[in-house]
Amino acid sequence: MNKSSRPDNPPYYVSSRMQYLRDNFIHPPFDYEHELLEAIRFGDEHRAMEMLHRINELEAAVLATYPLRSKKNALIASCTLFTRAIIKGGVDPEVAFHLSDTVILEIEKIGDVERLIHFEYEMLVQFVAMIRSEKAELPYSHIVNLAIRYIREHIFEELTLQKIADVLKVHPSYLSDRFKRETGSPLTTFINQRKIEESKHLLIHTNQSISEIAFTFKFCNQSYYTQLFKNFTGMTPRKFRISGAERG
């Protein structure tokens, strides 16, 4: 785009950023957020509370015109991050997303900012409690447990037997045989099943197209994703989305 074709007014992001700078506002340091999420991931309630309190001592971003809506939006964003943290920590995605949905519905019911401030800490306790109750050691050998945790933590990446074996520093054939013997499922089937399970949440709770969801989970194309989804669930992603909307 040449200079003459550029718009006279700066984009919304630029003007918003300028306003934030004029108001001396900055978002909480990334390392604060990272430490908070790691504390949740490992079920360290004391450390998580400490980091949340430290973050809340800073000035909050304005995420909507009205303070109540702004605080609700902030808590919903935090809920999303907390959900991802406990999934990385070992909680089954369906369990984690169910907790997330329940918490968000509760956030929407609250009618004053002061109650939302207290609820944020209650929400944190719920997620830490979930990770503590669900993070029991998987009933498999150490190497299979490590493989399952790696799959959960890298579910949006392209996952192969060779890649996971390289990360765990074992021979692919050894990992494949051990995984199938202990879990009853081939490793590749387990990966696809986990991806399909997590994709259900996007189908129901987002407006992403089916092709975009297939791309998000690194399936080679929409047709392959649809075929796998039907194999595991008995229906196509489109029908699942419609049935989820009807239930909602």
Protein backbone atom coordinates (compact mmCIF):
# COMPACT_ATOMS: atom_id res chain seq x y z
CA MET A 1 0.00 0.00 0.00
CA ASN A 2 1.50 3.39 -1.00
CA LYS A 3 1.41 6.42 1.20
CA SER A 4 -1.40 8.14 -0.67
CA SER A 5 -3.74 5.16 -0.22
CA ARG A 6 -3.28 4.91 3.53
CA PRO A 7 -6.26 5.98 5.68
CA ASP A 8 -6.03 9.42 7.28
CA ASN A 9 -7.05 8.12 10.71
CA PRO A 10 -4.90 5.53 12.52
CA PRO A 11 -6.36 2.03 12.98
CA TYR A 12 -8.36 1.43 16.15
CA TYR A 13 -5.54 -0.57 17.71
CA VAL A 14 -3.08 2.28 17.24
CA SER A 15 -5.39 4.92 18.72
CA SER A 16 -6.30 2.60 21.60
CA ARG A 17 -2.63 1.89 22.26
CA MET A 18 -1.86 5.60 22.26
CA GLN A 19 -4.62 6.17 24.83
CA TYR A 20 -3.24 3.42 27.04
CA LEU A 21 0.21 4.98 26.89
CA ARG A 22 -1.20 8.42 27.73
CA ASP A 23 -2.93 6.87 30.74
CA ASN A 24 0.32 5.16 31.76
CA PHE A 25 -1.38 1.75 31.50
CA ILE A 26 0.47 -1.44 30.65
CA HIS A 27 -0.71 -5.04 30.76
CA PRO A 28 0.65 -7.22 33.58
CA PRO A 29 4.14 -8.55 32.82
CA PHE A 30 4.06 -11.79 30.87
CA ASP A 31 6.18 -13.55 33.48
CA TYR A 32 3.49 -12.83 36.12
CA GLU A 33 0.87 -14.52 33.96
CA HIS A 34 3.20 -17.40 33.13
CA GLU A 35 4.00 -18.02 36.79
CA LEU A 36 0.30 -17.92 37.69
CA LEU A 37 -0.59 -20.49 35.04
CA GLU A 38 2.32 -22.73 36.01
CA ALA A 39 1.20 -22.62 39.64
CA ILE A 40 -2.29 -23.68 38.56
CA ARG A 41 -0.85 -26.39 36.33
CA PHE A 42 1.01 -27.92 39.28
CA GLY A 43 -1.82 -27.43 41.77
CA ASP A 44 0.08 -24.91 43.90
CA GLU A 45 -2.82 -22.92 45.34
CA HIS A 46 -0.69 -20.72 47.63
CA ARG A 47 1.59 -19.60 44.81
CA ALA A 48 -1.32 -19.15 42.40
CA MET A 49 -3.16 -16.93 44.90
CA GLU A 50 -0.03 -14.91 45.48
CA MET A 51 0.50 -14.30 41.75
CA LEU A 52 -3.17 -13.43 41.14
CA HIS A 53 -3.06 -10.93 43.99
CA ARG A 54 0.14 -9.42 42.55
CA ILE A 55 -1.49 -9.09 39.11
CA ASN A 56 -4.63 -7.53 40.58
CA GLU A 57 -2.59 -4.88 42.35
CA LEU A 58 -1.79 -3.51 38.89
CA GLU A 59 -4.24 -1.36 36.96
CA ALA A 60 -6.63 -3.47 34.92
CA ALA A 61 -7.24 -3.16 31.20
CA VAL A 62 -10.55 -1.67 30.04
CA LEU A 63 -12.24 -4.44 28.04
CA ALA A 64 -15.68 -2.86 27.60
CA THR A 65 -17.49 0.46 27.94
CA TYR A 66 -19.13 -0.45 31.25
CA PRO A 67 -17.07 -1.57 34.31
CA LEU A 68 -19.25 -4.62 35.00
CA ARG A 69 -18.96 -5.90 31.43
CA SER A 70 -15.24 -5.13 31.40
CA LYS A 71 -14.63 -7.17 34.56
CA LYS A 72 -16.74 -10.05 33.24
CA ASN A 73 -14.73 -10.08 30.01
CA ALA A 74 -11.48 -10.12 32.02
CA LEU A 75 -12.66 -13.07 34.12
CA ILE A 76 -13.82 -15.01 31.07
CA ALA A 77 -10.39 -14.48 29.51
CA SER A 78 -8.75 -15.70 32.73
CA CYS A 79 -11.08 -18.70 32.79
CA THR A 80 -9.91 -19.64 29.30
CA LEU A 81 -6.25 -19.46 30.38
CA PHE A 82 -6.94 -21.44 33.56
CA THR A 83 -8.69 -24.12 31.50
CA ARG A 84 -5.70 -24.51 29.21
CA ALA A 85 -3.39 -24.66 32.25
CA ILE A 86 -5.21 -27.58 33.87
CA ILE A 87 -5.39 -29.45 30.56
CA LYS A 88 -1.63 -29.07 30.27
CA GLY A 89 -1.42 -30.30 33.84
CA GLY A 90 -3.17 -33.54 32.96
CA VAL A 91 -6.92 -32.90 33.37
CA ASP A 92 -9.07 -34.50 30.69
CA PRO A 93 -10.12 -31.78 28.21
CA GLU A 94 -13.83 -32.64 28.42
CA VAL A 95 -13.70 -32.32 32.22
CA ALA A 96 -11.78 -29.05 31.99
CA PHE A 97 -14.13 -27.55 29.42
CA HIS A 98 -17.17 -28.54 31.46
CA LEU A 99 -15.73 -26.66 34.44
CA SER A 100 -14.97 -23.69 32.17
CA ASP A 101 -18.53 -23.59 30.83
CA THR A 102 -19.96 -23.79 34.35
CA VAL A 103 -17.72 -20.97 35.61
CA ILE A 104 -18.52 -18.69 32.66
CA LEU A 105 -22.26 -19.16 33.21
CA GLU A 106 -21.74 -18.20 36.86
CA ILE A 107 -19.75 -15.10 35.84
CA GLU A 108 -22.59 -13.96 33.63
CA LYS A 109 -25.08 -14.25 36.53
CA ILE A 110 -23.13 -11.90 38.80
CA GLY A 111 -24.48 -8.37 38.87
CA ASP A 112 -21.84 -6.23 40.59
CA VAL A 113 -18.12 -5.64 40.20
CA GLU A 114 -17.28 -6.22 43.88
CA ARG A 115 -18.74 -9.72 43.76
CA LEU A 116 -16.80 -10.43 40.56
CA ILE A 117 -13.57 -9.43 42.27
CA HIS A 118 -14.18 -12.02 45.00
CA PHE A 119 -15.39 -14.60 42.50
CA GLU A 120 -12.09 -14.44 40.60
CA TYR A 121 -10.33 -15.95 43.62
CA GLU A 122 -13.09 -18.52 44.07
CA MET A 123 -12.67 -19.43 40.39
CA LEU A 124 -8.95 -19.93 40.90
CA VAL A 125 -9.60 -22.27 43.84
CA GLN A 126 -12.00 -24.33 41.68
CA PHE A 127 -9.39 -24.82 38.97
CA VAL A 128 -6.65 -25.73 41.44
CA ALA A 129 -9.00 -28.19 43.15
CA MET A 130 -9.76 -29.74 39.77
CA ILE A 131 -6.09 -30.24 38.91
CA ARG A 132 -5.47 -31.80 42.33
CA SER A 133 -8.36 -34.23 42.02
CA GLU A 134 -7.78 -35.16 38.37
CA LYS A 135 -3.99 -35.21 38.26
CA ALA A 136 -3.66 -38.61 39.86
CA GLU A 137 -0.88 -40.65 38.31
CA LEU A 138 -2.03 -42.43 35.18
CA PRO A 139 -2.15 -46.22 35.64
CA TYR A 140 0.61 -46.90 33.13
CA SER A 141 4.37 -47.18 33.02
CA HIS A 142 6.46 -44.03 33.28
CA ILE A 143 7.22 -43.90 29.55
CA VAL A 144 3.54 -44.23 28.55
CA ASN A 145 2.52 -41.60 31.11
CA LEU A 146 5.10 -39.24 29.61
CA ALA A 147 3.78 -39.88 26.10
CA ILE A 148 0.19 -39.14 27.16
CA ARG A 149 1.21 -35.93 28.92
CA TYR A 150 3.19 -34.82 25.86
CA ILE A 151 0.16 -35.42 23.64
CA ARG A 152 -2.09 -33.40 25.97
CA GLU A 153 0.34 -30.49 26.14
CA HIS A 154 0.97 -30.36 22.36
CA ILE A 155 -2.49 -31.27 21.09
CA PHE A 156 -2.53 -28.40 18.56
CA GLU A 157 0.72 -29.55 16.97
CA GLU A 158 1.39 -32.20 14.35
CA LEU A 159 2.04 -35.31 16.44
CA THR A 160 3.62 -38.51 15.17
CA LEU A 161 5.03 -41.64 16.76
CA GLN A 162 8.50 -40.68 15.55
CA LYS A 163 8.31 -37.17 17.01
CA ILE A 164 7.11 -38.35 20.43
CA ALA A 165 9.68 -41.14 20.51
CA ASP A 166 12.43 -38.62 19.70
CA VAL A 167 11.27 -36.34 22.52
CA LEU A 168 11.19 -39.23 25.00
CA LYS A 169 14.48 -40.63 23.62
CA VAL A 170 13.18 -44.13 22.97
CA HIS A 171 12.88 -46.25 19.84
CA PRO A 172 9.55 -45.74 18.00
CA SER A 173 8.83 -49.48 17.88
CA TYR A 174 9.39 -49.82 21.62
CA LEU A 175 7.06 -46.89 22.37
CA SER A 176 4.42 -48.14 19.94
CA ASP A 177 4.40 -51.67 21.37
CA ARG A 178 4.43 -50.49 24.99
CA PHE A 179 1.68 -47.92 24.41
CA LYS A 180 -0.70 -50.35 22.70
CA ARG A 181 -0.05 -53.12 25.21
CA GLU A 182 -0.80 -50.88 28.21
CA THR A 183 -3.63 -48.68 26.90
CA GLY A 184 -5.21 -51.07 24.43
CA SER A 185 -5.04 -48.40 21.73
CA PRO A 186 -2.41 -47.65 19.07
CA LEU A 187 -0.63 -44.37 19.79
CA THR A 188 -1.80 -42.77 16.53
CA THR A 189 -5.42 -43.69 17.31
CA PHE A 190 -5.05 -42.20 20.80
CA ILE A 191 -3.70 -38.94 19.31
CA ASN A 192 -6.56 -38.66 16.82
CA GLN A 193 -9.14 -39.43 19.48
CA ARG A 194 -7.77 -36.71 21.79
CA LYS A 195 -7.78 -34.19 18.94
CA ILE A 196 -11.37 -35.07 18.06
CA GLU A 197 -12.44 -34.72 21.71
CA GLU A 198 -10.86 -31.27 22.02
CA SER A 199 -12.29 -30.16 18.69
CA LYS A 200 -15.81 -30.71 20.06
CA HIS A 201 -15.42 -27.65 22.28
CA LEU A 202 -14.54 -25.44 19.30
CA LEU A 203 -17.48 -26.79 17.32
CA ILE A 204 -19.97 -25.91 20.05
CA HIS A 205 -18.48 -22.76 21.55
CA THR A 206 -16.88 -20.92 18.62
CA ASN A 207 -17.84 -19.76 15.15
CA GLN A 208 -14.73 -21.23 13.54
CA SER A 209 -15.47 -23.04 10.31
CA ILE A 210 -14.96 -26.78 10.20
CA SER A 211 -12.03 -26.33 7.84
CA GLU A 212 -10.43 -23.86 10.29
CA ILE A 213 -10.87 -26.32 13.15
CA ALA A 214 -9.32 -29.09 11.06
CA PHE A 215 -6.35 -26.79 10.40
CA THR A 216 -6.09 -25.83 14.09
CA PHE A 217 -5.55 -29.49 15.04
CA LYS A 218 -3.17 -30.07 12.12
CA PHE A 219 -5.33 -32.54 10.22
CA CYS A 220 -4.24 -32.77 6.59
CA ASN A 221 -7.63 -31.55 5.31
CA GLN A 222 -11.28 -31.09 6.25
CA SER A 223 -12.35 -34.39 4.66
CA TYR A 224 -9.93 -36.41 6.77
CA TYR A 225 -11.02 -34.58 9.92
CA THR A 226 -14.70 -35.21 9.09
CA GLN A 227 -13.99 -38.89 8.43
CA LEU A 228 -12.16 -39.32 11.75
CA PHE A 229 -14.82 -37.38 13.64
CA LYS A 230 -17.54 -39.64 12.27
CA ASN A 231 -15.52 -42.77 13.07
CA PHE A 232 -15.14 -41.73 16.72
CA THR A 233 -18.54 -40.13 17.36
CA GLY A 234 -20.93 -41.61 14.81
CA MET A 235 -21.79 -38.23 13.31
CA THR A 236 -20.17 -35.53 11.22
CA PRO A 237 -18.72 -32.35 12.80
CA ARG A 238 -21.56 -30.35 11.22
CA LYS A 239 -24.26 -32.54 12.77
CA PHE A 240 -22.46 -32.46 16.12
CA ARG A 241 -22.37 -28.66 16.00
CA ILE A 242 -26.09 -28.47 15.20
CA SER A 243 -26.99 -30.94 17.97
CA GLY A 244 -24.87 -28.97 20.43
CA ALA A 245 -26.62 -25.73 19.48
CA GLU A 246 -30.02 -27.39 19.93
CA ARG A 247 -29.05 -28.68 23.39
CA GLY A 248 -27.84 -25.20 24.36
